[in-house]
Amino acid sequence: MVAMPAVERPLSSEDEQVLESFLELDTPAGFRAELIEGEIVVTPPPSGSHESAFALLNRQFIRNSTIELDLAGNKGLIVPDGRYIPDGTISHVGHFEDTDSWASPEEVLLVFEITSSNPAKDREAKRRGYAAAGIPCYLLIDRSDGSATLFTDPADRDYTAHVRVPFGKPLDLPAPFSFALDTEPLRQRTVVTGAPGGAGPATRR
């Protein structure tokens, strides 16, 4: 499973100014800045529940995948429409060892996001960005509606296939992972709030 090479689109003078401003940002410790479809998005440090979900995914990928993998948290990726930082980036062992803070997504096997205070970015803009970069798999852990979705087969700047399960049901992952993701612990730990069409605040990061 190999990602297609990502090519940054030509930048207008306005886009170049935004990118320059973005790269010069000095964010407070623990905060994360991304450039998503021309918009600078700064995210506060994650909550404990967010990090518990990250740890759960980390353990399952490392223990259950059929090959040895590296799982990086908060690795900067250069995609055609910006600079994205997935919650988790999975690659072959040692892939990012000699890269800079912002790296090409080539050879990335899978990225995942765990929704927080702005789930729309993870559901739409970041999905499109990862597909445009040719990343083979995007796993969305949507705590707002209690579901896990695996997007695959990127083409024409989006994923052409997906499988969605509610928390509590297993989600089959393709090779080279080749295991069923256990989402039951996510169901046990997540309070579903801010679901589409529902009342109440969105889950905080």
Protein backbone atom coordinates (compact mmCIF):
# COMPACT_ATOMS: atom_id res chain seq x y z
CA MET A 1 0.00 0.00 0.00
CA VAL A 2 1.88 3.09 -1.25
CA ALA A 3 0.60 6.64 -1.35
CA MET A 4 0.63 8.59 -4.58
CA PRO A 5 3.04 11.54 -4.57
CA ALA A 6 1.49 14.80 -3.42
CA VAL A 7 2.11 17.91 -5.51
CA GLU A 8 1.54 21.32 -3.95
CA ARG A 9 -0.65 23.38 -6.22
CA PRO A 10 0.79 26.65 -7.60
CA LEU A 11 0.26 29.44 -5.08
CA SER A 12 -1.14 32.87 -5.86
CA SER A 13 0.58 35.88 -4.31
CA GLU A 14 -2.18 36.00 -1.68
CA ASP A 15 -1.71 32.31 -0.89
CA GLU A 16 2.04 32.83 -0.61
CA GLN A 17 1.47 35.63 1.90
CA VAL A 18 -0.84 33.42 3.96
CA LEU A 19 1.67 30.57 3.89
CA GLU A 20 4.49 32.90 4.92
CA SER A 21 2.42 34.26 7.80
CA PHE A 22 1.51 30.73 8.83
CA LEU A 23 5.11 29.51 8.84
CA GLU A 24 6.11 32.50 10.98
CA LEU A 25 3.47 31.80 13.65
CA ASP A 26 4.72 31.46 17.21
CA THR A 27 1.98 29.43 18.88
CA PRO A 28 1.90 28.84 22.66
CA ALA A 29 3.34 25.58 23.92
CA GLY A 30 0.96 22.69 23.33
CA PHE A 31 -1.12 24.50 20.72
CA ARG A 32 -1.24 23.24 17.15
CA ALA A 33 -1.44 25.46 14.06
CA GLU A 34 -2.57 24.16 10.67
CA LEU A 35 -3.21 25.74 7.29
CA ILE A 36 -6.43 24.15 6.06
CA GLU A 37 -7.77 25.20 2.66
CA GLY A 38 -6.31 28.70 3.04
CA GLU A 39 -7.45 29.16 6.64
CA ILE A 40 -5.07 29.23 9.61
CA VAL A 41 -6.55 27.04 12.35
CA VAL A 42 -5.04 27.00 15.85
CA THR A 43 -6.12 24.17 18.16
CA PRO A 44 -5.64 24.13 21.95
CA PRO A 45 -3.94 21.22 23.74
CA PRO A 46 -6.05 18.03 23.68
CA SER A 47 -8.19 16.87 26.56
CA GLY A 48 -7.52 13.72 28.53
CA SER A 49 -10.35 11.86 26.80
CA HIS A 50 -8.92 12.75 23.39
CA GLU A 51 -5.51 11.40 24.40
CA SER A 52 -7.08 8.24 25.83
CA ALA A 53 -8.65 7.60 22.42
CA PHE A 54 -5.28 8.24 20.77
CA ALA A 55 -3.58 5.77 23.12
CA LEU A 56 -6.22 3.13 22.38
CA LEU A 57 -5.61 3.41 18.63
CA ASN A 58 -1.85 3.45 19.12
CA ARG A 59 -1.89 0.20 21.09
CA GLN A 60 -4.08 -1.59 18.58
CA PHE A 61 -2.05 -0.60 15.52
CA ILE A 62 1.28 -1.48 17.11
CA ARG A 63 0.11 -4.77 18.65
CA ASN A 64 -2.17 -6.11 15.93
CA SER A 65 -0.80 -5.01 12.55
CA THR A 66 0.85 -7.70 10.45
CA ILE A 67 3.99 -5.58 9.94
CA GLU A 68 6.03 -3.34 12.24
CA LEU A 69 4.91 0.28 12.04
CA ASP A 70 5.72 3.72 13.38
CA LEU A 71 2.83 5.83 14.69
CA ALA A 72 3.59 9.54 14.96
CA GLY A 73 1.39 11.96 16.85
CA ASN A 74 1.12 15.49 15.46
CA LYS A 75 3.46 15.04 12.46
CA GLY A 76 3.22 17.94 10.04
CA LEU A 77 2.31 16.92 6.47
CA ILE A 78 2.43 19.03 3.31
CA VAL A 79 -0.73 18.45 1.28
CA PRO A 80 -1.89 20.19 -1.92
CA ASP A 81 -4.23 22.55 -0.04
CA GLY A 82 -2.17 23.35 3.02
CA ARG A 83 -0.20 22.08 5.98
CA TYR A 84 -2.10 19.48 8.00
CA ILE A 85 -1.22 17.80 11.29
CA PRO A 86 -3.12 14.53 11.76
CA ASP A 87 -3.72 13.24 15.26
CA GLY A 88 -1.95 10.08 14.11
CA THR A 89 0.24 9.27 11.11
CA ILE A 90 1.21 5.66 10.40
CA SER A 91 4.21 4.76 8.26
CA HIS A 92 6.90 2.13 7.89
CA VAL A 93 9.49 2.03 10.67
CA GLY A 94 11.94 4.94 10.46
CA HIS A 95 10.17 6.68 7.59
CA PHE A 96 10.21 10.17 9.18
CA GLU A 97 13.59 9.89 10.86
CA ASP A 98 15.40 12.36 8.58
CA THR A 99 12.49 14.65 7.67
CA ASP A 100 11.86 18.25 8.68
CA SER A 101 8.93 19.50 10.75
CA TRP A 102 6.79 19.52 7.60
CA ALA A 103 7.15 16.36 5.54
CA SER A 104 5.83 14.90 2.31
CA PRO A 105 2.94 12.43 2.76
CA GLU A 106 4.52 10.00 0.31
CA GLU A 107 4.75 6.49 1.76
CA VAL A 108 2.30 7.35 4.57
CA LEU A 109 0.04 4.33 5.02
CA LEU A 110 -2.80 5.83 7.07
CA VAL A 111 -3.72 8.95 8.99
CA PHE A 112 -6.39 9.27 11.64
CA GLU A 113 -8.28 12.10 13.29
CA ILE A 114 -10.19 12.07 16.56
CA THR A 115 -12.91 14.72 16.51
CA SER A 116 -12.93 17.51 19.04
CA SER A 117 -14.46 21.00 19.16
CA ASN A 118 -14.49 21.42 15.35
CA PRO A 119 -15.54 18.05 13.87
CA ALA A 120 -16.56 19.60 10.52
CA LYS A 121 -12.89 20.16 9.62
CA ASP A 122 -12.09 16.48 10.19
CA ARG A 123 -15.18 15.29 8.33
CA GLU A 124 -14.80 17.46 5.25
CA ALA A 125 -11.72 19.64 4.67
CA LYS A 126 -9.12 17.32 6.16
CA ARG A 127 -10.67 14.29 4.46
CA ARG A 128 -10.35 16.02 1.10
CA GLY A 129 -6.81 17.15 1.88
CA TYR A 130 -5.60 13.68 2.78
CA ALA A 131 -7.23 12.25 -0.34
CA ALA A 132 -5.66 14.93 -2.54
CA ALA A 133 -2.29 13.98 -1.04
CA GLY A 134 -2.86 10.38 -2.09
CA ILE A 135 -2.82 8.94 1.43
CA PRO A 136 -4.38 5.47 0.99
CA CYS A 137 -6.43 5.35 4.21
CA TYR A 138 -8.07 7.96 6.42
CA LEU A 139 -9.58 6.78 9.70
CA LEU A 140 -12.07 9.18 11.29
CA ILE A 141 -12.92 8.60 14.94
CA ASP A 142 -16.03 10.75 15.25
CA ARG A 143 -16.75 11.17 18.94
CA SER A 144 -19.58 13.59 18.20
CA ASP A 145 -21.77 10.91 16.63
CA GLY A 146 -20.14 7.82 18.11
CA SER A 147 -18.76 6.26 14.93
CA ALA A 148 -15.55 5.14 13.24
CA THR A 149 -15.19 5.52 9.47
CA LEU A 150 -12.42 4.20 7.25
CA PHE A 151 -12.03 6.10 3.95
CA THR A 152 -10.02 4.41 1.18
CA ASP A 153 -9.25 4.59 -2.56
CA PRO A 154 -8.35 8.26 -3.05
CA ALA A 155 -9.15 9.73 -6.46
CA ASP A 156 -10.11 13.15 -7.80
CA ARG A 157 -9.36 14.86 -4.47
CA ASP A 158 -11.62 12.66 -2.35
CA TYR A 159 -11.97 9.09 -1.17
CA THR A 160 -14.18 6.89 -3.31
CA ALA A 161 -14.95 4.19 -0.72
CA HIS A 162 -15.70 4.15 2.97
CA VAL A 163 -16.95 1.86 5.73
CA ARG A 164 -18.61 3.28 8.82
CA VAL A 165 -19.45 1.48 12.07
CA PRO A 166 -20.93 2.72 15.34
CA PHE A 167 -18.73 2.55 18.40
CA GLY A 168 -19.00 -0.96 19.79
CA LYS A 169 -18.73 -2.69 16.40
CA PRO A 170 -15.40 -3.90 14.90
CA LEU A 171 -13.98 -2.08 11.89
CA ASP A 172 -11.95 -4.22 9.48
CA LEU A 173 -8.70 -2.61 8.35
CA PRO A 174 -6.99 -3.63 5.09
CA ALA A 175 -3.41 -4.83 4.57
CA PRO A 176 -0.80 -4.16 5.81
CA PHE A 177 -2.77 -3.72 9.04
CA SER A 178 -5.09 -6.68 8.49
CA PHE A 179 -6.96 -6.64 11.77
CA ALA A 180 -10.35 -5.60 13.09
CA LEU A 181 -10.22 -2.38 15.09
CA ASP A 182 -12.00 -2.82 18.42
CA THR A 183 -14.18 0.27 18.93
CA GLU A 184 -15.94 -0.97 22.06
CA PRO A 185 -13.58 0.94 24.40
CA LEU A 186 -14.40 4.12 22.48
CA ARG A 187 -18.11 3.55 23.10
CA GLN A 188 -17.47 3.01 26.79
CA ARG A 189 -15.46 6.22 27.14
CA THR A 190 -17.32 8.60 24.84
CA VAL A 191 -20.33 10.75 25.66
CA VAL A 192 -21.97 11.51 22.32
CA THR A 193 -22.68 15.23 22.12
CA GLY A 194 -23.24 17.66 19.31
CA ALA A 195 -24.27 14.93 16.86
CA PRO A 196 -25.42 16.18 13.47
CA GLY A 197 -28.92 17.52 13.83
CA GLY A 198 -28.87 17.14 17.60
CA ALA A 199 -28.68 19.55 20.48
CA GLY A 200 -25.81 20.08 22.84
CA PRO A 201 -22.20 21.16 22.52
CA ALA A 202 -19.61 19.30 20.47
CA THR A 203 -17.09 17.17 22.30
CA ARG A 204 -14.09 19.25 23.31
CA ARG A 205 -10.59 18.33 22.24
